[in-house]
Amino acid sequence: MGTRVLKGFCELAEPARDLLKHAMTEYNLSARACDRILKDARTIADLRGAE
């Protein structure tokens, strides 16, 4: 799943987006690491049956 497709399926609420931005800055995460986090979050949501 590419970045564009991922962003379409993993829309974040404002607090979640802020938390991810803070984590990226604090832990010096790359954009690729951010994409992996979103993919894992989407997988967990799918397993729970959540949107």
Protein backbone atom coordinates (compact mmCIF):
# COMPACT_ATOMS: atom_id res chain seq x y z
CA MET A 1 0.00 0.00 0.00
CA GLY A 2 1.49 3.30 -1.08
CA THR A 3 1.55 6.50 0.93
CA ARG A 4 -1.32 8.10 -0.98
CA VAL A 5 -3.56 5.08 -0.56
CA LEU A 6 -2.56 4.76 3.08
CA LYS A 7 -3.54 8.35 3.84
CA GLY A 8 -6.95 7.70 2.29
CA PHE A 9 -7.59 4.71 4.55
CA CYS A 10 -5.98 6.08 7.71
CA GLU A 11 -7.46 9.49 8.35
CA LEU A 12 -6.43 10.59 11.82
CA ALA A 13 -8.30 12.80 14.26
CA GLU A 14 -6.50 16.01 15.22
CA PRO A 15 -5.21 14.72 18.62
CA ALA A 16 -3.87 11.53 17.03
CA ARG A 17 -2.20 13.51 14.23
CA ASP A 18 -0.56 15.80 16.79
CA LEU A 19 0.67 12.82 18.81
CA LEU A 20 2.18 11.20 15.71
CA LYS A 21 3.89 14.46 14.72
CA HIS A 22 5.29 14.81 18.24
CA ALA A 23 6.58 11.22 18.20
CA MET A 24 8.20 11.77 14.81
CA THR A 25 10.01 14.84 16.13
CA GLU A 26 10.88 13.44 19.57
CA TYR A 27 12.20 10.10 18.30
CA ASN A 28 13.50 11.36 14.96
CA LEU A 29 11.28 8.99 12.97
CA SER A 30 11.34 8.95 9.19
CA ALA A 31 8.31 9.28 6.95
CA ARG A 32 8.66 5.59 6.17
CA ALA A 33 8.47 4.76 9.89
CA CYS A 34 5.35 6.91 10.14
CA ASP A 35 3.77 4.95 7.29
CA ARG A 36 4.58 1.68 9.05
CA ILE A 37 2.95 2.95 12.25
CA LEU A 38 -0.20 3.87 10.30
CA LYS A 39 -0.26 0.48 8.56
CA ASP A 40 0.00 -1.31 11.91
CA ALA A 41 -2.74 0.87 13.36
CA ARG A 42 -4.99 0.11 10.38
CA THR A 43 -4.34 -3.63 10.80
CA ILE A 44 -5.26 -3.48 14.48
CA ALA A 45 -8.42 -1.51 13.67
CA ASP A 46 -9.36 -4.06 11.01
CA LEU A 47 -8.90 -6.93 13.45
CA ARG A 48 -11.16 -5.14 15.95
CA GLY A 49 -13.73 -4.43 13.25
CA ALA A 50 -13.39 -0.67 13.72
CA GLU A 51 -13.42 2.05 11.09
